[in-house]
Amino acid sequence: MRSDIVPGAKFPDYELPDQAGKRRKLSELQGQDPMIVVLSRGAFCPKDRRQHEGLVELYREMEVGYCRLVTISTENLMVTNEYRLGVGAHWPFLCDPERKVQKDLDIKEFTDPLHDPMVPHTLVLEPGLAVYKIYQGYWFFGRPTTEDLRHDLRAVLERCRFDWDLSKPEVRTAWEKDEKSRFFPYGKSYAELFAEQK
């Protein structure tokens, strides 16, 4: 991994096609929420498939917890769709067959010249694409468990949600002063929020 990609740094705002071929920027997909980015070896890898099967259940929790999840792989559009459907995922999968991310982050897996994949990484990002934690998963048990990610998301949410603890006097004071933009969903109605996430 590039030496400047460390906790506290800003992760690059890559723009890549999603599983439907629509170009998406990471910042657009993240919005104002915490986000997990999985840099995947690809559909051919049983370790990646197992990791994503575990993420399917966590994603159901992330949706109700207002967190985002994105997978980036070096697969083409057709294989990306098969991979996504095959593991039962419902979050965006971004396609990078030109290996833009692999090259930019310097994560070429040189031990596999046949597939030319990325060394798998899982990143937990705070809002603004700020790196909170990086997991390197060349070996399967280097990858985070769903419980690791739950702990990470809790820590990030405590840091970024002003209204995390409603018992704090300053939180109640802000509400009473009609500072609704400080509270999730940031002054929007839930209908507006859900419309944005579609």
N, C-alpha and C. Protein backbone atom coordinates (compact mmCIF):
# COMPACT_ATOMS: atom_id res chain seq x y z
N MET A 1 0.86 -1.19 0.00
CA MET A 1 0.00 0.00 0.00
C MET A 1 0.89 1.23 0.00
N ARG A 2 0.51 2.19 -0.79
CA ARG A 2 1.23 3.46 -0.87
C ARG A 2 1.48 4.01 0.53
N SER A 3 2.67 4.57 0.74
CA SER A 3 3.07 4.97 2.09
C SER A 3 2.23 6.10 2.67
N ASP A 4 1.56 6.88 1.82
CA ASP A 4 0.77 7.99 2.35
C ASP A 4 -0.67 7.59 2.69
N ILE A 5 -1.04 6.35 2.41
CA ILE A 5 -2.38 5.88 2.76
C ILE A 5 -2.30 5.24 4.14
N VAL A 6 -2.56 6.06 5.14
CA VAL A 6 -2.45 5.67 6.54
C VAL A 6 -3.65 6.23 7.29
N PRO A 7 -3.91 5.75 8.51
CA PRO A 7 -5.00 6.33 9.29
C PRO A 7 -4.84 7.85 9.42
N GLY A 8 -5.93 8.55 9.15
CA GLY A 8 -5.93 10.00 9.19
C GLY A 8 -5.79 10.64 7.82
N ALA A 9 -5.26 9.89 6.85
CA ALA A 9 -5.10 10.42 5.49
C ALA A 9 -6.42 10.34 4.74
N LYS A 10 -6.51 11.07 3.64
CA LYS A 10 -7.70 11.00 2.79
C LYS A 10 -7.46 9.94 1.72
N PHE A 11 -8.41 9.03 1.58
CA PHE A 11 -8.34 7.99 0.56
C PHE A 11 -8.69 8.62 -0.78
N PRO A 12 -8.04 8.20 -1.86
CA PRO A 12 -8.35 8.78 -3.18
C PRO A 12 -9.82 8.59 -3.57
N ASP A 13 -10.34 9.61 -4.20
CA ASP A 13 -11.75 9.60 -4.61
C ASP A 13 -11.87 9.00 -6.01
N TYR A 14 -11.66 7.68 -6.09
CA TYR A 14 -11.69 7.00 -7.38
C TYR A 14 -13.06 7.07 -8.01
N GLU A 15 -13.08 7.17 -9.33
CA GLU A 15 -14.32 7.13 -10.10
C GLU A 15 -14.23 5.95 -11.06
N LEU A 16 -15.14 5.00 -10.90
CA LEU A 16 -15.13 3.77 -11.68
C LEU A 16 -16.56 3.37 -12.01
N PRO A 17 -16.75 2.54 -13.04
CA PRO A 17 -18.11 2.06 -13.34
C PRO A 17 -18.58 1.04 -12.30
N ASP A 18 -19.87 1.13 -11.96
CA ASP A 18 -20.43 0.14 -11.04
C ASP A 18 -20.95 -1.06 -11.82
N GLN A 19 -21.63 -1.95 -11.14
CA GLN A 19 -22.12 -3.19 -11.76
C GLN A 19 -23.12 -2.94 -12.88
N ALA A 20 -23.69 -1.74 -12.95
CA ALA A 20 -24.62 -1.39 -14.03
C ALA A 20 -23.93 -0.58 -15.13
N GLY A 21 -22.64 -0.34 -14.97
CA GLY A 21 -21.90 0.44 -15.96
C GLY A 21 -21.92 1.94 -15.72
N LYS A 22 -22.59 2.38 -14.66
CA LYS A 22 -22.66 3.81 -14.34
C LYS A 22 -21.41 4.22 -13.57
N ARG A 23 -20.78 5.32 -14.02
CA ARG A 23 -19.57 5.80 -13.35
C ARG A 23 -19.95 6.40 -11.99
N ARG A 24 -19.23 5.96 -10.95
CA ARG A 24 -19.52 6.39 -9.58
C ARG A 24 -18.23 6.81 -8.89
N LYS A 25 -18.29 7.91 -8.16
CA LYS A 25 -17.16 8.35 -7.34
C LYS A 25 -17.37 7.84 -5.92
N LEU A 26 -16.27 7.50 -5.26
CA LEU A 26 -16.39 7.02 -3.89
C LEU A 26 -17.05 8.06 -2.99
N SER A 27 -16.72 9.33 -3.17
CA SER A 27 -17.31 10.37 -2.33
C SER A 27 -18.82 10.44 -2.50
N GLU A 28 -19.29 10.22 -3.72
CA GLU A 28 -20.74 10.22 -3.99
C GLU A 28 -21.40 9.03 -3.30
N LEU A 29 -20.75 7.88 -3.34
CA LEU A 29 -21.31 6.69 -2.71
C LEU A 29 -21.28 6.81 -1.19
N GLN A 30 -20.30 7.51 -0.67
CA GLN A 30 -20.18 7.65 0.78
C GLN A 30 -21.16 8.66 1.36
N GLY A 31 -21.37 9.77 0.68
CA GLY A 31 -22.19 10.82 1.27
C GLY A 31 -21.55 11.31 2.56
N GLN A 32 -22.33 11.40 3.63
CA GLN A 32 -21.83 11.86 4.92
C GLN A 32 -21.69 10.73 5.93
N ASP A 33 -21.63 9.50 5.41
CA ASP A 33 -21.63 8.32 6.28
C ASP A 33 -20.27 7.64 6.34
N PRO A 34 -20.02 6.86 7.40
CA PRO A 34 -18.86 5.98 7.39
C PRO A 34 -18.99 4.97 6.25
N MET A 35 -17.86 4.50 5.76
CA MET A 35 -17.90 3.56 4.63
C MET A 35 -16.78 2.53 4.75
N ILE A 36 -17.09 1.32 4.37
CA ILE A 36 -16.09 0.26 4.25
C ILE A 36 -15.83 0.05 2.76
N VAL A 37 -14.55 0.05 2.38
CA VAL A 37 -14.16 -0.21 1.00
C VAL A 37 -13.36 -1.51 0.99
N VAL A 38 -13.82 -2.47 0.20
CA VAL A 38 -13.13 -3.75 0.05
C VAL A 38 -12.43 -3.75 -1.30
N LEU A 39 -11.11 -3.86 -1.27
CA LEU A 39 -10.31 -4.00 -2.49
C LEU A 39 -10.10 -5.50 -2.69
N SER A 40 -10.80 -6.03 -3.67
CA SER A 40 -10.96 -7.48 -3.83
C SER A 40 -10.04 -8.06 -4.90
N ARG A 41 -9.57 -9.27 -4.65
CA ARG A 41 -8.80 -9.99 -5.67
C ARG A 41 -9.71 -10.32 -6.85
N GLY A 42 -10.94 -10.73 -6.57
CA GLY A 42 -11.87 -11.03 -7.65
C GLY A 42 -12.68 -12.29 -7.43
N ALA A 43 -13.58 -12.53 -8.37
CA ALA A 43 -14.52 -13.64 -8.25
C ALA A 43 -13.84 -15.00 -8.23
N PHE A 44 -12.64 -15.10 -8.81
CA PHE A 44 -11.94 -16.38 -8.89
C PHE A 44 -11.43 -16.83 -7.52
N CYS A 45 -11.36 -15.93 -6.56
CA CYS A 45 -10.69 -16.21 -5.28
C CYS A 45 -11.69 -16.71 -4.24
N PRO A 46 -11.53 -17.94 -3.74
CA PRO A 46 -12.48 -18.45 -2.74
C PRO A 46 -12.42 -17.66 -1.43
N LYS A 47 -11.26 -17.09 -1.10
CA LYS A 47 -11.16 -16.29 0.13
C LYS A 47 -12.00 -15.01 0.00
N ASP A 48 -11.96 -14.41 -1.18
CA ASP A 48 -12.78 -13.20 -1.41
C ASP A 48 -14.26 -13.53 -1.36
N ARG A 49 -14.63 -14.65 -1.96
CA ARG A 49 -16.04 -15.04 -1.93
C ARG A 49 -16.51 -15.26 -0.49
N ARG A 50 -15.67 -15.93 0.31
CA ARG A 50 -16.06 -16.18 1.70
C ARG A 50 -16.17 -14.88 2.48
N GLN A 51 -15.23 -13.96 2.26
CA GLN A 51 -15.31 -12.66 2.93
C GLN A 51 -16.60 -11.95 2.57
N HIS A 52 -16.96 -11.96 1.29
CA HIS A 52 -18.16 -11.25 0.85
C HIS A 52 -19.44 -11.93 1.35
N GLU A 53 -19.42 -13.25 1.47
CA GLU A 53 -20.59 -13.93 2.05
C GLU A 53 -20.82 -13.45 3.49
N GLY A 54 -19.73 -13.25 4.24
CA GLY A 54 -19.85 -12.73 5.59
C GLY A 54 -20.34 -11.29 5.61
N LEU A 55 -19.92 -10.51 4.62
CA LEU A 55 -20.33 -9.11 4.55
C LEU A 55 -21.81 -8.95 4.22
N VAL A 56 -22.41 -9.96 3.59
CA VAL A 56 -23.84 -9.87 3.23
C VAL A 56 -24.67 -9.65 4.49
N GLU A 57 -24.42 -10.40 5.53
CA GLU A 57 -25.18 -10.24 6.77
C GLU A 57 -24.84 -8.92 7.45
N LEU A 58 -23.57 -8.55 7.48
CA LEU A 58 -23.19 -7.27 8.08
C LEU A 58 -23.82 -6.10 7.35
N TYR A 59 -23.95 -6.20 6.03
CA TYR A 59 -24.52 -5.10 5.26
C TYR A 59 -25.96 -4.81 5.67
N ARG A 60 -26.69 -5.83 6.06
CA ARG A 60 -28.07 -5.61 6.53
C ARG A 60 -28.05 -4.72 7.77
N GLU A 61 -27.04 -4.90 8.63
CA GLU A 61 -26.89 -4.05 9.81
C GLU A 61 -26.40 -2.66 9.41
N MET A 62 -25.49 -2.60 8.45
CA MET A 62 -24.96 -1.31 8.01
C MET A 62 -26.05 -0.43 7.42
N GLU A 63 -26.98 -1.03 6.70
CA GLU A 63 -28.07 -0.25 6.11
C GLU A 63 -28.91 0.44 7.19
N VAL A 64 -29.26 -0.28 8.25
CA VAL A 64 -30.06 0.34 9.30
C VAL A 64 -29.20 1.24 10.19
N GLY A 65 -27.88 1.08 10.13
CA GLY A 65 -26.96 1.92 10.89
C GLY A 65 -26.41 3.09 10.10
N TYR A 66 -26.91 3.29 8.88
CA TYR A 66 -26.50 4.41 8.02
C TYR A 66 -24.99 4.40 7.78
N CYS A 67 -24.51 3.28 7.30
CA CYS A 67 -23.11 3.13 6.88
C CYS A 67 -23.11 2.58 5.46
N ARG A 68 -22.03 2.81 4.76
CA ARG A 68 -21.95 2.39 3.35
C ARG A 68 -20.88 1.31 3.17
N LEU A 69 -21.02 0.56 2.08
CA LEU A 69 -20.10 -0.51 1.73
C LEU A 69 -19.90 -0.50 0.22
N VAL A 70 -18.66 -0.62 -0.20
CA VAL A 70 -18.32 -0.65 -1.63
C VAL A 70 -17.23 -1.69 -1.84
N THR A 71 -17.35 -2.47 -2.90
CA THR A 71 -16.30 -3.40 -3.31
C THR A 71 -15.72 -2.91 -4.63
N ILE A 72 -14.39 -2.96 -4.73
CA ILE A 72 -13.70 -2.65 -5.98
C ILE A 72 -12.90 -3.89 -6.36
N SER A 73 -13.07 -4.35 -7.60
CA SER A 73 -12.26 -5.48 -8.07
C SER A 73 -11.75 -5.19 -9.47
N THR A 74 -10.83 -6.01 -9.92
CA THR A 74 -10.23 -5.85 -11.25
C THR A 74 -11.01 -6.60 -12.32
N GLU A 75 -12.22 -7.03 -11.98
CA GLU A 75 -13.04 -7.79 -12.93
C GLU A 75 -13.70 -6.86 -13.95
N ASN A 76 -14.10 -7.42 -15.09
CA ASN A 76 -14.89 -6.65 -16.05
C ASN A 76 -16.34 -6.61 -15.60
N LEU A 77 -17.17 -5.92 -16.35
CA LEU A 77 -18.57 -5.71 -15.95
C LEU A 77 -19.35 -7.01 -15.80
N MET A 78 -19.20 -7.92 -16.76
CA MET A 78 -19.95 -9.18 -16.72
C MET A 78 -19.56 -10.01 -15.49
N VAL A 79 -18.25 -10.17 -15.27
CA VAL A 79 -17.79 -10.98 -14.14
C VAL A 79 -18.15 -10.30 -12.82
N THR A 80 -18.07 -8.97 -12.78
CA THR A 80 -18.44 -8.23 -11.57
C THR A 80 -19.89 -8.53 -11.20
N ASN A 81 -20.78 -8.51 -12.18
CA ASN A 81 -22.19 -8.81 -11.91
C ASN A 81 -22.38 -10.23 -11.43
N GLU A 82 -21.70 -11.18 -12.06
CA GLU A 82 -21.81 -12.57 -11.63
C GLU A 82 -21.29 -12.75 -10.21
N TYR A 83 -20.19 -12.10 -9.90
CA TYR A 83 -19.58 -12.14 -8.56
C TYR A 83 -20.57 -11.58 -7.53
N ARG A 84 -21.09 -10.41 -7.81
CA ARG A 84 -22.01 -9.73 -6.90
C ARG A 84 -23.27 -10.56 -6.65
N LEU A 85 -23.87 -11.05 -7.73
CA LEU A 85 -25.08 -11.87 -7.61
C LEU A 85 -24.78 -13.21 -6.95
N GLY A 86 -23.61 -13.76 -7.26
CA GLY A 86 -23.24 -15.07 -6.73
C GLY A 86 -23.09 -15.10 -5.22
N VAL A 87 -22.66 -13.98 -4.63
CA VAL A 87 -22.53 -13.94 -3.17
C VAL A 87 -23.77 -13.33 -2.51
N GLY A 88 -24.73 -12.87 -3.32
CA GLY A 88 -25.96 -12.29 -2.78
C GLY A 88 -25.79 -10.89 -2.23
N ALA A 89 -24.86 -10.13 -2.81
CA ALA A 89 -24.58 -8.77 -2.34
C ALA A 89 -25.56 -7.76 -2.93
N HIS A 90 -25.83 -6.70 -2.19
CA HIS A 90 -26.73 -5.64 -2.66
C HIS A 90 -26.09 -4.27 -2.61
N TRP A 91 -24.80 -4.21 -2.36
CA TRP A 91 -24.10 -2.93 -2.33
C TRP A 91 -23.34 -2.74 -3.65
N PRO A 92 -22.86 -1.54 -3.92
CA PRO A 92 -22.16 -1.29 -5.20
C PRO A 92 -20.84 -2.06 -5.32
N PHE A 93 -20.65 -2.64 -6.48
CA PHE A 93 -19.38 -3.25 -6.86
C PHE A 93 -18.83 -2.41 -8.01
N LEU A 94 -17.62 -1.91 -7.85
CA LEU A 94 -17.00 -1.10 -8.90
C LEU A 94 -16.00 -1.93 -9.67
N CYS A 95 -15.98 -1.74 -11.00
CA CYS A 95 -15.13 -2.51 -11.90
C CYS A 95 -13.87 -1.71 -12.24
N ASP A 96 -12.72 -2.38 -12.17
CA ASP A 96 -11.46 -1.71 -12.49
C ASP A 96 -10.55 -2.65 -13.29
N PRO A 97 -11.01 -3.09 -14.49
CA PRO A 97 -10.18 -4.02 -15.26
C PRO A 97 -8.88 -3.40 -15.76
N GLU A 98 -8.81 -2.06 -15.82
CA GLU A 98 -7.54 -1.41 -16.22
C GLU A 98 -6.57 -1.32 -15.05
N ARG A 99 -7.03 -1.72 -13.85
CA ARG A 99 -6.19 -1.78 -12.66
C ARG A 99 -5.65 -0.40 -12.23
N LYS A 100 -6.48 0.60 -12.41
CA LYS A 100 -6.14 1.96 -11.99
C LYS A 100 -5.84 2.02 -10.49
N VAL A 101 -6.71 1.40 -9.69
CA VAL A 101 -6.54 1.41 -8.23
C VAL A 101 -5.32 0.61 -7.83
N GLN A 102 -5.17 -0.57 -8.43
CA GLN A 102 -4.02 -1.42 -8.13
C GLN A 102 -2.71 -0.68 -8.35
N LYS A 103 -2.62 0.02 -9.48
CA LYS A 103 -1.39 0.75 -9.82
C LYS A 103 -1.20 1.97 -8.94
N ASP A 104 -2.29 2.73 -8.75
CA ASP A 104 -2.17 3.96 -7.98
C ASP A 104 -1.80 3.70 -6.52
N LEU A 105 -2.36 2.64 -5.94
CA LEU A 105 -2.08 2.32 -4.54
C LEU A 105 -0.86 1.43 -4.36
N ASP A 106 -0.27 0.97 -5.48
CA ASP A 106 0.90 0.09 -5.45
C ASP A 106 0.60 -1.20 -4.67
N ILE A 107 -0.49 -1.86 -5.08
CA ILE A 107 -0.89 -3.10 -4.40
C ILE A 107 -1.02 -4.27 -5.39
N LYS A 108 -0.16 -4.29 -6.39
CA LYS A 108 -0.14 -5.41 -7.33
C LYS A 108 0.29 -6.67 -6.58
N GLU A 109 -0.47 -7.73 -6.73
CA GLU A 109 -0.11 -9.00 -6.10
C GLU A 109 0.86 -9.74 -7.04
N PHE A 110 2.13 -9.51 -6.85
CA PHE A 110 3.14 -10.02 -7.78
C PHE A 110 3.27 -11.54 -7.74
N THR A 111 2.70 -12.20 -6.72
CA THR A 111 2.78 -13.65 -6.62
C THR A 111 1.74 -14.36 -7.51
N ASP A 112 0.87 -13.59 -8.16
CA ASP A 112 -0.15 -14.18 -9.03
C ASP A 112 -0.16 -13.48 -10.39
N PRO A 113 0.83 -13.78 -11.24
CA PRO A 113 0.86 -13.13 -12.56
C PRO A 113 -0.27 -13.57 -13.48
N LEU A 114 -0.90 -14.71 -13.20
CA LEU A 114 -2.00 -15.19 -14.05
C LEU A 114 -3.21 -14.25 -13.98
N HIS A 115 -3.65 -13.93 -12.76
CA HIS A 115 -4.84 -13.09 -12.60
C HIS A 115 -4.51 -11.60 -12.48
N ASP A 116 -3.26 -11.29 -12.11
CA ASP A 116 -2.82 -9.91 -11.91
C ASP A 116 -3.78 -9.14 -11.00
N PRO A 117 -4.08 -9.69 -9.81
CA PRO A 117 -5.04 -9.01 -8.93
C PRO A 117 -4.38 -7.96 -8.04
N MET A 118 -5.21 -7.29 -7.26
CA MET A 118 -4.72 -6.42 -6.18
C MET A 118 -4.47 -7.29 -4.96
N VAL A 119 -3.51 -6.89 -4.13
CA VAL A 119 -3.43 -7.48 -2.79
C VAL A 119 -4.69 -7.02 -2.07
N PRO A 120 -5.50 -7.93 -1.56
CA PRO A 120 -6.76 -7.52 -0.97
C PRO A 120 -6.56 -6.69 0.30
N HIS A 121 -7.34 -5.65 0.38
CA HIS A 121 -7.35 -4.77 1.56
C HIS A 121 -8.81 -4.44 1.89
N THR A 122 -9.05 -4.19 3.15
CA THR A 122 -10.34 -3.67 3.61
C THR A 122 -10.04 -2.38 4.37
N LEU A 123 -10.68 -1.31 3.96
CA LEU A 123 -10.47 -0.01 4.60
C LEU A 123 -11.77 0.47 5.24
N VAL A 124 -11.65 0.99 6.45
CA VAL A 124 -12.77 1.62 7.13
C VAL A 124 -12.53 3.12 7.02
N LEU A 125 -13.50 3.83 6.44
CA LEU A 125 -13.35 5.27 6.20
C LEU A 125 -14.35 6.07 7.01
N GLU A 126 -13.86 7.15 7.60
CA GLU A 126 -14.73 8.13 8.23
C GLU A 126 -15.30 9.01 7.12
N PRO A 127 -16.33 9.81 7.42
CA PRO A 127 -16.83 10.74 6.40
C PRO A 127 -15.70 11.60 5.84
N GLY A 128 -15.85 11.95 4.55
CA GLY A 128 -14.78 12.70 3.87
C GLY A 128 -13.66 11.81 3.37
N LEU A 129 -13.92 10.50 3.26
CA LEU A 129 -12.94 9.51 2.80
C LEU A 129 -11.69 9.47 3.69
N ALA A 130 -11.84 9.85 4.95
CA ALA A 130 -10.70 9.82 5.88
C ALA A 130 -10.46 8.39 6.35
N VAL A 131 -9.24 7.93 6.21
CA VAL A 131 -8.90 6.55 6.58
C VAL A 131 -8.91 6.41 8.10
N TYR A 132 -9.70 5.45 8.58
CA TYR A 132 -9.73 5.13 10.01
C TYR A 132 -8.86 3.91 10.28
N LYS A 133 -9.05 2.86 9.48
CA LYS A 133 -8.28 1.63 9.69
C LYS A 133 -8.08 0.92 8.36
N ILE A 134 -6.95 0.22 8.25
CA ILE A 134 -6.61 -0.55 7.04
C ILE A 134 -6.29 -1.98 7.45
N TYR A 135 -6.92 -2.93 6.78
CA TYR A 135 -6.62 -4.35 6.97
C TYR A 135 -6.03 -4.88 5.67
N GLN A 136 -4.90 -5.58 5.75
CA GLN A 136 -4.29 -6.19 4.58
C GLN A 136 -4.61 -7.67 4.62
N GLY A 137 -5.23 -8.19 3.55
CA GLY A 137 -5.76 -9.54 3.60
C GLY A 137 -5.16 -10.53 2.62
N TYR A 138 -3.86 -10.43 2.37
CA TYR A 138 -3.24 -11.43 1.49
C TYR A 138 -3.51 -12.83 2.05
N TRP A 139 -3.32 -12.98 3.37
CA TRP A 139 -3.76 -14.19 4.04
C TRP A 139 -5.15 -13.93 4.60
N PHE A 140 -6.01 -14.94 4.54
CA PHE A 140 -7.42 -14.75 4.88
C PHE A 140 -7.61 -14.15 6.27
N PHE A 141 -6.84 -14.62 7.24
CA PHE A 141 -7.05 -14.15 8.60
C PHE A 141 -6.41 -12.79 8.86
N GLY A 142 -5.86 -12.18 7.83
CA GLY A 142 -5.49 -10.78 7.91
C GLY A 142 -6.67 -9.87 7.64
N ARG A 143 -7.73 -10.45 7.12
CA ARG A 143 -8.94 -9.68 6.80
C ARG A 143 -9.79 -9.51 8.06
N PRO A 144 -10.54 -8.43 8.15
CA PRO A 144 -11.33 -8.22 9.36
C PRO A 144 -12.53 -9.16 9.41
N THR A 145 -12.85 -9.58 10.60
CA THR A 145 -14.10 -10.31 10.80
C THR A 145 -15.25 -9.30 10.80
N THR A 146 -16.46 -9.79 10.70
CA THR A 146 -17.59 -8.87 10.79
C THR A 146 -17.62 -8.21 12.17
N GLU A 147 -17.15 -8.91 13.20
CA GLU A 147 -17.11 -8.31 14.54
C GLU A 147 -16.06 -7.20 14.60
N ASP A 148 -14.91 -7.39 13.96
CA ASP A 148 -13.91 -6.32 13.88
C ASP A 148 -14.54 -5.07 13.25
N LEU A 149 -15.27 -5.28 12.17
CA LEU A 149 -15.86 -4.14 11.44
C LEU A 149 -16.97 -3.48 12.26
N ARG A 150 -17.72 -4.25 13.02
CA ARG A 150 -18.73 -3.66 13.90
C ARG A 150 -18.07 -2.72 14.91
N HIS A 151 -16.97 -3.17 15.51
CA HIS A 151 -16.24 -2.34 16.48
C HIS A 151 -15.70 -1.07 15.81
N ASP A 152 -15.16 -1.23 14.61
CA ASP A 152 -14.63 -0.07 13.88
C ASP A 152 -15.74 0.93 13.57
N LEU A 153 -16.86 0.43 13.10
CA LEU A 153 -17.97 1.32 12.75
C LEU A 153 -18.51 2.02 13.99
N ARG A 154 -18.57 1.31 15.10
CA ARG A 154 -19.02 1.96 16.34
C ARG A 154 -18.08 3.11 16.70
N ALA A 155 -16.78 2.86 16.64
CA ALA A 155 -15.81 3.91 16.98
C ALA A 155 -15.92 5.10 16.03
N VAL A 156 -16.08 4.83 14.74
CA VAL A 156 -16.19 5.91 13.76
C VAL A 156 -17.49 6.69 13.98
N LEU A 157 -18.57 5.99 14.23
CA LEU A 157 -19.85 6.67 14.44
C LEU A 157 -19.81 7.54 15.70
N GLU A 158 -19.17 7.07 16.75
CA GLU A 158 -19.04 7.88 17.96
C GLU A 158 -18.30 9.18 17.66
N ARG A 159 -17.33 9.10 16.74
CA ARG A 159 -16.54 10.29 16.40
C ARG A 159 -17.28 11.25 15.48
N CYS A 160 -18.12 10.72 14.58
CA CYS A 160 -18.69 11.59 13.54
C CYS A 160 -20.15 11.96 13.74
N ARG A 161 -20.84 11.32 14.65
CA ARG A 161 -22.25 11.64 14.87
C ARG A 161 -22.38 12.51 16.12
N PHE A 162 -22.69 13.76 15.91
CA PHE A 162 -22.89 14.69 17.02
C PHE A 162 -23.93 14.16 18.00
N ASP A 163 -24.95 13.51 17.46
CA ASP A 163 -26.06 13.04 18.29
C ASP A 163 -25.90 11.58 18.74
N TRP A 164 -24.66 11.09 18.80
CA TRP A 164 -24.41 9.71 19.21
C TRP A 164 -24.97 9.45 20.61
N ASP A 165 -24.76 10.39 21.51
CA ASP A 165 -25.20 10.23 22.90
C ASP A 165 -26.20 11.34 23.24
N LEU A 166 -27.47 11.00 23.20
CA LEU A 166 -28.51 11.99 23.45
C LEU A 166 -28.56 12.46 24.91
N SER A 167 -27.82 11.78 25.80
CA SER A 167 -27.85 12.20 27.20
C SER A 167 -26.92 13.39 27.48
N LYS A 168 -26.10 13.76 26.51
CA LYS A 168 -25.19 14.89 26.73
C LYS A 168 -25.98 16.20 26.70
N PRO A 169 -25.76 17.07 27.70
CA PRO A 169 -26.52 18.33 27.75
C PRO A 169 -26.36 19.18 26.50
N GLU A 170 -25.17 19.21 25.89
CA GLU A 170 -24.96 20.04 24.70
C GLU A 170 -25.77 19.54 23.50
N VAL A 171 -26.06 18.25 23.50
CA VAL A 171 -26.88 17.70 22.41
C VAL A 171 -28.32 18.17 22.56
N ARG A 172 -28.85 18.08 23.77
CA ARG A 172 -30.22 18.56 24.01
C ARG A 172 -30.32 20.06 23.75
N THR A 173 -29.30 20.81 24.17
CA THR A 173 -29.30 22.26 23.95
C THR A 173 -29.33 22.59 22.46
N ALA A 174 -28.54 21.88 21.68
CA ALA A 174 -28.52 22.11 20.23
C ALA A 174 -29.89 21.83 19.62
N TRP A 175 -30.55 20.78 20.07
CA TRP A 175 -31.88 20.45 19.57
C TRP A 175 -32.88 21.56 19.92
N GLU A 176 -32.81 21.99 21.15
CA GLU A 176 -33.74 23.03 21.60
C GLU A 176 -33.48 24.37 20.90
N LYS A 177 -32.26 24.60 20.44
CA LYS A 177 -31.93 25.82 19.69
C LYS A 177 -32.26 25.66 18.21
N ASP A 178 -32.89 24.53 17.85
CA ASP A 178 -33.30 24.25 16.47
C ASP A 178 -32.11 24.10 15.53
N GLU A 179 -31.02 23.56 16.03
CA GLU A 179 -29.83 23.29 15.21
C GLU A 179 -29.94 21.88 14.63
N LYS A 180 -31.02 21.65 13.90
CA LYS A 180 -31.35 20.32 13.40
C LYS A 180 -30.31 19.77 12.41
N SER A 181 -29.57 20.66 11.77
CA SER A 181 -28.57 20.19 10.80
C SER A 181 -27.44 19.42 11.47
N ARG A 182 -27.32 19.51 12.79
CA ARG A 182 -26.28 18.78 13.52
C ARG A 182 -26.72 17.35 13.85
N PHE A 183 -27.99 17.06 13.60
CA PHE A 183 -28.55 15.75 13.93
C PHE A 183 -28.79 14.95 12.66
N PHE A 184 -28.50 13.65 12.75
CA PHE A 184 -28.80 12.79 11.61
C PHE A 184 -30.31 12.77 11.40
N PRO A 185 -30.83 12.91 10.21
CA PRO A 185 -30.15 13.00 8.91
C PRO A 185 -29.85 14.43 8.44
N TYR A 186 -29.24 15.20 9.28
CA TYR A 186 -28.69 16.50 8.91
C TYR A 186 -29.75 17.46 8.36
N GLY A 187 -30.84 17.56 9.07
CA GLY A 187 -31.87 18.51 8.68
C GLY A 187 -32.77 18.05 7.56
N LYS A 188 -32.56 16.83 7.07
CA LYS A 188 -33.40 16.30 6.00
C LYS A 188 -34.46 15.39 6.60
N SER A 189 -35.50 15.18 5.86
CA SER A 189 -36.49 14.19 6.29
C SER A 189 -35.94 12.81 5.93
N TYR A 190 -36.45 11.79 6.58
CA TYR A 190 -36.02 10.43 6.25
C TYR A 190 -36.40 10.06 4.82
N ALA A 191 -37.50 10.58 4.34
CA ALA A 191 -37.90 10.31 2.94
C ALA A 191 -36.85 10.87 1.98
N GLU A 192 -36.35 12.08 2.27
CA GLU A 192 -35.30 12.67 1.41
C GLU A 192 -34.02 11.83 1.48
N LEU A 193 -33.68 11.41 2.68
CA LEU A 193 -32.46 10.62 2.86
C LEU A 193 -32.53 9.32 2.07
N PHE A 194 -33.65 8.60 2.20
CA PHE A 194 -33.78 7.31 1.51
C PHE A 194 -33.82 7.51 0.00
N ALA A 195 -34.39 8.60 -0.46
CA ALA A 195 -34.41 8.87 -1.91
C ALA A 195 -33.00 9.07 -2.44
N GLU A 196 -32.14 9.70 -1.65
CA GLU A 196 -30.73 9.91 -2.06
C GLU A 196 -29.96 8.61 -2.14
N GLN A 197 -30.32 7.65 -1.30
CA GLN A 197 -29.56 6.39 -1.24
C GLN A 197 -29.96 5.41 -2.32
N LYS A 198 -31.01 5.67 -3.04
CA LYS A 198 -31.46 4.76 -4.11
C LYS A 198 -30.55 4.88 -5.31
